[in-house]
Amino acid sequence: MNIDLENAICHGEEQRRKRYQKNNEYARARSNIAKETEALFYLVECPLTEEFHHHHHHHQIQDLQQEVKMISNEEDDI
C-alpha cells in the first residue's frame, strides 16, 4: 500500500471518528435539554400550575353538580 493511500484511509477513519463523537455529544446535549425542559414544564411547585389545577378541579365539581341538578329536575318532572 502506498503512503498516500494509507494516509487517506487513516484520514477518513479519523474524520468518521470525529463525526461520530460530535453526533454523540449533540445527542447527549439534546437529551439533557429535553430533560431540563420536561422538568421545568411539569413543575409541581409552580403557583400557576396549582392555581390552574384548583380552578380546573373547581369547574369539574360545578359541572357535576349542575348535571346532578338537571337529572334531579328531570326525575321530578316524571
PDB file of N, CA and C in Angstrom:
ATOM      1  N   MET A   1       0.862  -1.167   0.000  1.00  0.00           N
ATOM      2  CA  MET A   1       0.000   0.000   0.000  1.00  0.00           C
ATOM      3  C   MET A   1       0.909   1.232   0.000  1.00  0.00           C
ATOM      4  N   ASN A   2       0.581   2.182  -0.849  1.00  0.00           N
ATOM      5  CA  ASN A   2       1.440   3.370  -0.873  1.00  0.00           C
ATOM      6  C   ASN A   2       1.075   4.328   0.255  1.00  0.00           C
ATOM      7  N   ILE A   3       1.949   5.255   0.529  1.00  0.00           N
ATOM      8  CA  ILE A   3       1.806   6.177   1.666  1.00  0.00           C
ATOM      9  C   ILE A   3       0.577   7.061   1.518  1.00  0.00           C
ATOM     10  N   ASP A   4       0.309   7.576   0.309  1.00  0.00           N
ATOM     11  CA  ASP A   4      -0.842   8.463   0.112  1.00  0.00           C
ATOM     12  C   ASP A   4      -2.154   7.741   0.406  1.00  0.00           C
ATOM     13  N   LEU A   5      -2.275   6.516  -0.082  1.00  0.00           N
ATOM     14  CA  LEU A   5      -3.496   5.745   0.152  1.00  0.00           C
ATOM     15  C   LEU A   5      -3.656   5.443   1.649  1.00  0.00           C
ATOM     16  N   GLU A   6      -2.562   5.083   2.285  1.00  0.00           N
ATOM     17  CA  GLU A   6      -2.602   4.795   3.721  1.00  0.00           C
ATOM     18  C   GLU A   6      -3.000   6.047   4.514  1.00  0.00           C
ATOM     19  N   ASN A   7      -2.454   7.196   4.143  1.00  0.00           N
ATOM     20  CA  ASN A   7      -2.815   8.454   4.804  1.00  0.00           C
ATOM     21  C   ASN A   7      -4.285   8.799   4.568  1.00  0.00           C
ATOM     22  N   ALA A   8      -4.769   8.541   3.352  1.00  0.00           N
ATOM     23  CA  ALA A   8      -6.168   8.827   3.028  1.00  0.00           C
ATOM     24  C   ALA A   8      -7.095   7.953   3.866  1.00  0.00           C
ATOM     25  N   ILE A   9      -6.745   6.684   4.019  1.00  0.00           N
ATOM     26  CA  ILE A   9      -7.568   5.774   4.822  1.00  0.00           C
ATOM     27  C   ILE A   9      -7.574   6.218   6.284  1.00  0.00           C
ATOM     28  N   CYS A  10      -6.394   6.532   6.800  1.00  0.00           N
ATOM     29  CA  CYS A  10      -6.305   6.994   8.195  1.00  0.00           C
ATOM     30  C   CYS A  10      -7.074   8.299   8.389  1.00  0.00           C
ATOM     31  N   HIS A  11      -6.963   9.202   7.408  1.00  0.00           N
ATOM     32  CA  HIS A  11      -7.672  10.477   7.494  1.00  0.00           C
ATOM     33  C   HIS A  11      -9.185  10.238   7.486  1.00  0.00           C
ATOM     34  N   GLY A  12      -9.649   9.334   6.613  1.00  0.00           N
ATOM     35  CA  GLY A  12     -11.076   9.016   6.546  1.00  0.00           C
ATOM     36  C   GLY A  12     -11.589   8.426   7.845  1.00  0.00           C
ATOM     37  N   GLU A  13     -10.806   7.525   8.438  1.00  0.00           N
ATOM     38  CA  GLU A  13     -11.206   6.924   9.711  1.00  0.00           C
ATOM     39  C   GLU A  13     -11.244   7.971  10.818  1.00  0.00           C
ATOM     40  N   GLU A  14     -10.267   8.874  10.804  1.00  0.00           N
ATOM     41  CA  GLU A  14     -10.232   9.943  11.803  1.00  0.00           C
ATOM     42  C   GLU A  14     -11.445  10.859  11.655  1.00  0.00           C
ATOM     43  N   GLN A  15     -11.806  11.182  10.415  1.00  0.00           N
ATOM     44  CA  GLN A  15     -12.968  12.040  10.179  1.00  0.00           C
ATOM     45  C   GLN A  15     -14.252  11.359  10.642  1.00  0.00           C
ATOM     46  N   ARG A  16     -14.389  10.064  10.361  1.00  0.00           N
ATOM     47  CA  ARG A  16     -15.569   9.315  10.815  1.00  0.00           C
ATOM     48  C   ARG A  16     -15.633   9.289  12.342  1.00  0.00           C
ATOM     49  N   ARG A  17     -14.490   9.099  12.997  1.00  0.00           N
ATOM     50  CA  ARG A  17     -14.449   9.074  14.459  1.00  0.00           C
ATOM     51  C   ARG A  17     -14.876  10.428  15.029  1.00  0.00           C
ATOM     52  N   LYS A  18     -14.382  11.511  14.420  1.00  0.00           N
ATOM     53  CA  LYS A  18     -14.749  12.852  14.883  1.00  0.00           C
ATOM     54  C   LYS A  18     -16.239  13.117  14.677  1.00  0.00           C
ATOM     55  N   ARG A  19     -16.774  12.702  13.505  1.00  0.00           N
ATOM     56  CA  ARG A  19     -18.205  12.885  13.235  1.00  0.00           C
ATOM     57  C   ARG A  19     -19.046  12.107  14.239  1.00  0.00           C
ATOM     58  N   TYR A  20     -18.636  10.864  14.484  1.00  0.00           N
ATOM     59  CA  TYR A  20     -19.367  10.022  15.434  1.00  0.00           C
ATOM     60  C   TYR A  20     -19.359  10.653  16.826  1.00  0.00           C
ATOM     61  N   GLN A  21     -18.186  11.129  17.242  1.00  0.00           N
ATOM     62  CA  GLN A  21     -18.067  11.757  18.556  1.00  0.00           C
ATOM     63  C   GLN A  21     -18.912  13.026  18.631  1.00  0.00           C
ATOM     64  N   LYS A  22     -18.889  13.824  17.576  1.00  0.00           N
ATOM     65  CA  LYS A  22     -19.666  15.065  17.551  1.00  0.00           C
ATOM     66  C   LYS A  22     -21.166  14.757  17.607  1.00  0.00           C
ATOM     67  N   ASN A  23     -21.608  13.762  16.833  1.00  0.00           N
ATOM     68  CA  ASN A  23     -23.029  13.391  16.842  1.00  0.00           C
ATOM     69  C   ASN A  23     -23.461  12.890  18.214  1.00  0.00           C
ATOM     70  N   ASN A  24     -22.604  12.125  18.870  1.00  0.00           N
ATOM     71  CA  ASN A  24     -22.947  11.637  20.210  1.00  0.00           C
ATOM     72  C   ASN A  24     -23.049  12.781  21.203  1.00  0.00           C
ATOM     73  N   GLU A  25     -22.123  13.737  21.117  1.00  0.00           N
ATOM     74  CA  GLU A  25     -22.180  14.892  22.015  1.00  0.00           C
ATOM     75  C   GLU A  25     -23.448  15.695  21.769  1.00  0.00           C
ATOM     76  N   TYR A  26     -23.811  15.853  20.484  1.00  0.00           N
ATOM     77  CA  TYR A  26     -25.027  16.587  20.129  1.00  0.00           C
ATOM     78  C   TYR A  26     -26.257  15.863  20.679  1.00  0.00           C
ATOM     79  N   ALA A  27     -26.276  14.543  20.536  1.00  0.00           N
ATOM     80  CA  ALA A  27     -27.419  13.768  21.029  1.00  0.00           C
ATOM     81  C   ALA A  27     -27.526  13.874  22.548  1.00  0.00           C
ATOM     82  N   ARG A  28     -26.401  13.813  23.236  1.00  0.00           N
ATOM     83  CA  ARG A  28     -26.435  13.944  24.697  1.00  0.00           C
ATOM     84  C   ARG A  28     -26.910  15.329  25.103  1.00  0.00           C
ATOM     85  N   ALA A  29     -26.428  16.338  24.392  1.00  0.00           N
ATOM     86  CA  ALA A  29     -26.838  17.709  24.713  1.00  0.00           C
ATOM     87  C   ALA A  29     -28.340  17.874  24.520  1.00  0.00           C
ATOM     88  N   ARG A  30     -28.879  17.327  23.434  1.00  0.00           N
ATOM     89  CA  ARG A  30     -30.318  17.441  23.177  1.00  0.00           C
ATOM     90  C   ARG A  30     -31.117  16.708  24.240  1.00  0.00           C
ATOM     91  N   SER A  31     -30.654  15.532  24.651  1.00  0.00           N
ATOM     92  CA  SER A  31     -31.416  14.798  25.661  1.00  0.00           C
ATOM     93  C   SER A  31     -31.377  15.530  26.999  1.00  0.00           C
ATOM     94  N   ASN A  32     -30.259  16.171  27.325  1.00  0.00           N
ATOM     95  CA  ASN A  32     -30.193  16.958  28.564  1.00  0.00           C
ATOM     96  C   ASN A  32     -31.152  18.131  28.501  1.00  0.00           C
ATOM     97  N   ILE A  33     -31.202  18.801  27.350  1.00  0.00           N
ATOM     98  CA  ILE A  33     -32.126  19.927  27.177  1.00  0.00           C
ATOM     99  C   ILE A  33     -33.562  19.439  27.322  1.00  0.00           C
ATOM    100  N   ALA A  34     -33.859  18.287  26.724  1.00  0.00           N
ATOM    101  CA  ALA A  34     -35.215  17.739  26.811  1.00  0.00           C
ATOM    102  C   ALA A  34     -35.578  17.431  28.264  1.00  0.00           C
ATOM    103  N   LYS A  35     -34.645  16.857  29.006  1.00  0.00           N
ATOM    104  CA  LYS A  35     -34.924  16.542  30.413  1.00  0.00           C
ATOM    105  C   LYS A  35     -35.149  17.813  31.220  1.00  0.00           C
ATOM    106  N   GLU A  36     -34.305  18.822  30.985  1.00  0.00           N
ATOM    107  CA  GLU A  36     -34.467  20.081  31.712  1.00  0.00           C
ATOM    108  C   GLU A  36     -35.794  20.742  31.363  1.00  0.00           C
ATOM    109  N   THR A  37     -36.149  20.722  30.083  1.00  0.00           N
ATOM    110  CA  THR A  37     -37.401  21.324  29.641  1.00  0.00           C
ATOM    111  C   THR A  37     -38.583  20.591  30.258  1.00  0.00           C
ATOM    112  N   GLU A  38     -38.512  19.268  30.245  1.00  0.00           N
ATOM    113  CA  GLU A  38     -39.594  18.477  30.832  1.00  0.00           C
ATOM    114  C   GLU A  38     -39.723  18.768  32.324  1.00  0.00           C
ATOM    115  N   ALA A  39     -38.593  18.871  33.005  1.00  0.00           N
ATOM    116  CA  ALA A  39     -38.628  19.170  34.442  1.00  0.00           C
ATOM    117  C   ALA A  39     -39.245  20.537  34.688  1.00  0.00           C
ATOM    118  N   LEU A  40     -38.917  21.507  33.857  1.00  0.00           N
ATOM    119  CA  LEU A  40     -39.481  22.844  34.028  1.00  0.00           C
ATOM    120  C   LEU A  40     -40.967  22.866  33.698  1.00  0.00           C
ATOM    121  N   PHE A  41     -41.369  22.084  32.692  1.00  0.00           N
ATOM    122  CA  PHE A  41     -42.762  22.083  32.256  1.00  0.00           C
ATOM    123  C   PHE A  41     -43.675  21.467  33.313  1.00  0.00           C
ATOM    124  N   TYR A  42     -43.190  20.448  33.986  1.00  0.00           N
ATOM    125  CA  TYR A  42     -44.021  19.737  34.952  1.00  0.00           C
ATOM    126  C   TYR A  42     -43.705  20.123  36.395  1.00  0.00           C
ATOM    127  N   LEU A  43     -43.335  21.372  36.618  1.00  0.00           N
ATOM    128  CA  LEU A  43     -43.044  21.812  37.980  1.00  0.00           C
ATOM    129  C   LEU A  43     -44.302  21.706  38.839  1.00  0.00           C
ATOM    130  N   VAL A  44     -44.211  20.964  39.892  1.00  0.00           N
ATOM    131  CA  VAL A  44     -45.353  20.800  40.790  1.00  0.00           C
ATOM    132  C   VAL A  44     -45.510  22.027  41.679  1.00  0.00           C
ATOM    133  N   GLU A  45     -44.407  22.651  42.010  1.00  0.00           N
ATOM    134  CA  GLU A  45     -44.419  23.778  42.934  1.00  0.00           C
ATOM    135  C   GLU A  45     -44.881  25.081  42.287  1.00  0.00           C
ATOM    136  N   CYS A  46     -45.090  25.082  40.995  1.00  0.00           N
ATOM    137  CA  CYS A  46     -45.428  26.306  40.276  1.00  0.00           C
ATOM    138  C   CYS A  46     -46.806  26.797  40.714  1.00  0.00           C
ATOM    139  N   PRO A  47     -46.923  28.024  41.214  1.00  0.00           N
ATOM    140  CA  PRO A  47     -48.221  28.541  41.665  1.00  0.00           C
ATOM    141  C   PRO A  47     -49.257  28.583  40.545  1.00  0.00           C
ATOM    142  N   LEU A  48     -48.825  28.886  39.335  1.00  0.00           N
ATOM    143  CA  LEU A  48     -49.784  28.930  38.226  1.00  0.00           C
ATOM    144  C   LEU A  48     -50.344  27.551  37.936  1.00  0.00           C
ATOM    145  N   THR A  49     -49.488  26.538  37.999  1.00  0.00           N
ATOM    146  CA  THR A  49     -49.945  25.168  37.771  1.00  0.00           C
ATOM    147  C   THR A  49     -50.938  24.764  38.849  1.00  0.00           C
ATOM    148  N   GLU A  50     -50.609  25.081  40.096  1.00  0.00           N
ATOM    149  CA  GLU A  50     -51.517  24.740  41.194  1.00  0.00           C
ATOM    150  C   GLU A  50     -52.835  25.497  41.074  1.00  0.00           C
ATOM    151  N   GLU A  51     -52.748  26.769  40.681  1.00  0.00           N
ATOM    152  CA  GLU A  51     -53.964  27.569  40.522  1.00  0.00           C
ATOM    153  C   GLU A  51     -54.821  27.002  39.399  1.00  0.00           C
ATOM    154  N   PHE A  52     -54.186  26.623  38.292  1.00  0.00           N
ATOM    155  CA  PHE A  52     -54.935  26.044  37.180  1.00  0.00           C
ATOM    156  C   PHE A  52     -55.589  24.739  37.615  1.00  0.00           C
ATOM    157  N   HIS A  53     -54.818  23.903  38.310  1.00  0.00           N
ATOM    158  CA  HIS A  53     -55.353  22.618  38.753  1.00  0.00           C
ATOM    159  C   HIS A  53     -56.557  22.830  39.674  1.00  0.00           C
ATOM    160  N   HIS A  54     -56.426  23.743  40.610  1.00  0.00           N
ATOM    161  CA  HIS A  54     -57.524  24.035  41.538  1.00  0.00           C
ATOM    162  C   HIS A  54     -58.737  24.574  40.773  1.00  0.00           C
ATOM    163  N   HIS A  55     -58.483  25.511  39.849  1.00  0.00           N
ATOM    164  CA  HIS A  55     -59.549  26.115  39.050  1.00  0.00           C
ATOM    165  C   HIS A  55     -60.249  25.046  38.208  1.00  0.00           C
ATOM    166  N   HIS A  56     -59.449  24.179  37.572  1.00  0.00           N
ATOM    167  CA  HIS A  56     -59.996  23.115  36.733  1.00  0.00           C
ATOM    168  C   HIS A  56     -60.824  22.151  37.588  1.00  0.00           C
ATOM    169  N   HIS A  57     -60.291  21.778  38.739  1.00  0.00           N
ATOM    170  CA  HIS A  57     -60.993  20.863  39.643  1.00  0.00           C
ATOM    171  C   HIS A  57     -62.301  21.495  40.124  1.00  0.00           C
ATOM    172  N   HIS A  58     -62.263  22.776  40.449  1.00  0.00           N
ATOM    173  CA  HIS A  58     -63.454  23.501  40.901  1.00  0.00           C
ATOM    174  C   HIS A  58     -64.538  23.472  39.818  1.00  0.00           C
ATOM    175  N   HIS A  59     -64.133  23.699  38.560  1.00  0.00           N
ATOM    176  CA  HIS A  59     -65.108  23.679  37.467  1.00  0.00           C
ATOM    177  C   HIS A  59     -65.651  22.279  37.224  1.00  0.00           C
ATOM    178  N   GLN A  60     -64.816  21.265  37.408  1.00  0.00           N
ATOM    179  CA  GLN A  60     -65.309  19.901  37.258  1.00  0.00           C
ATOM    180  C   GLN A  60     -66.394  19.616  38.292  1.00  0.00           C
ATOM    181  N   ILE A  61     -66.173  20.050  39.511  1.00  0.00           N
ATOM    182  CA  ILE A  61     -67.169  19.846  40.577  1.00  0.00           C
ATOM    183  C   ILE A  61     -68.458  20.592  40.243  1.00  0.00           C
ATOM    184  N   GLN A  62     -68.332  21.844  39.786  1.00  0.00           N
ATOM    185  CA  GLN A  62     -69.519  22.621  39.411  1.00  0.00           C
ATOM    186  C   GLN A  62     -70.275  21.938  38.273  1.00  0.00           C
ATOM    187  N   ASP A  63     -69.551  21.435  37.281  1.00  0.00           N
ATOM    188  CA  ASP A  63     -70.198  20.749  36.160  1.00  0.00           C
ATOM    189  C   ASP A  63     -70.955  19.514  36.640  1.00  0.00           C
ATOM    190  N   LEU A  64     -70.342  18.754  37.539  1.00  0.00           N
ATOM    191  CA  LEU A  64     -71.012  17.569  38.070  1.00  0.00           C
ATOM    192  C   LEU A  64     -72.245  17.949  38.882  1.00  0.00           C
ATOM    193  N   GLN A  65     -72.139  19.018  39.669  1.00  0.00           N
ATOM    194  CA  GLN A  65     -73.289  19.468  40.456  1.00  0.00           C
ATOM    195  C   GLN A  65     -74.436  19.895  39.545  1.00  0.00           C
ATOM    196  N   GLN A  66     -74.124  20.597  38.469  1.00  0.00           N
ATOM    197  CA  GLN A  66     -75.161  21.015  37.519  1.00  0.00           C
ATOM    198  C   GLN A  66     -75.799  19.806  36.848  1.00  0.00           C
ATOM    199  N   GLU A  67     -74.967  18.826  36.518  1.00  0.00           N
ATOM    200  CA  GLU A  67     -75.500  17.624  35.881  1.00  0.00           C
ATOM    201  C   GLU A  67     -76.430  16.873  36.834  1.00  0.00           C
ATOM    202  N   VAL A  68     -76.048  16.796  38.104  1.00  0.00           N
ATOM    203  CA  VAL A  68     -76.896  16.139  39.105  1.00  0.00           C
ATOM    204  C   VAL A  68     -78.212  16.893  39.255  1.00  0.00           C
ATOM    205  N   LYS A  69     -78.158  18.223  39.281  1.00  0.00           N
ATOM    206  CA  LYS A  69     -79.382  19.030  39.378  1.00  0.00           C
ATOM    207  C   LYS A  69     -80.288  18.785  38.179  1.00  0.00           C
ATOM    208  N   MET A  70     -79.705  18.727  36.991  1.00  0.00           N
ATOM    209  CA  MET A  70     -80.506  18.503  35.781  1.00  0.00           C
ATOM    210  C   MET A  70     -81.183  17.140  35.837  1.00  0.00           C
ATOM    211  N   ILE A  71     -80.438  16.129  36.258  1.00  0.00           N
ATOM    212  CA  ILE A  71     -81.017  14.785  36.351  1.00  0.00           C
ATOM    213  C   ILE A  71     -82.106  14.766  37.417  1.00  0.00           C
ATOM    214  N   SER A  72     -81.842  15.433  38.521  1.00  0.00           N
ATOM    215  CA  SER A  72     -82.825  15.502  39.602  1.00  0.00           C
ATOM    216  C   SER A  72     -84.097  16.201  39.125  1.00  0.00           C
ATOM    217  N   ASN A  73     -83.945  17.292  38.399  1.00  0.00           N
ATOM    218  CA  ASN A  73     -85.097  18.023  37.866  1.00  0.00           C
ATOM    219  C   ASN A  73     -85.873  17.178  36.864  1.00  0.00           C
ATOM    220  N   GLU A  74     -85.161  16.418  36.051  1.00  0.00           N
ATOM    221  CA  GLU A  74     -85.836  15.558  35.074  1.00  0.00           C
ATOM    222  C   GLU A  74     -86.641  14.477  35.785  1.00  0.00           C
ATOM    223  N   GLU A  75     -86.076  13.927  36.865  1.00  0.00           N
ATOM    224  CA  GLU A  75     -86.786  12.894  37.622  1.00  0.00           C
ATOM    225  C   GLU A  75     -88.014  13.476  38.311  1.00  0.00           C
ATOM    226  N   ASP A  76     -87.912  14.715  38.760  1.00  0.00           N
ATOM    227  CA  ASP A  76     -89.062  15.365  39.401  1.00  0.00           C
ATOM    228  C   ASP A  76     -90.184  15.599  38.396  1.00  0.00           C
ATOM    229  N   ASP A  77     -89.818  15.867  37.159  1.00  0.00           N
ATOM    230  CA  ASP A  77     -90.817  16.117  36.120  1.00  0.00           C
ATOM    231  C   ASP A  77     -91.545  14.840  35.717  1.00  0.00           C
ATOM    232  N   ILE A  78     -90.956  13.713  35.968  1.00  0.00           N
ATOM    233  CA  ILE A  78     -91.561  12.444  35.533  1.00  0.00           C
ATOM    234  C   ILE A  78     -92.637  12.007  36.456  1.00  0.00           C
TER     235      ILE A  78
END
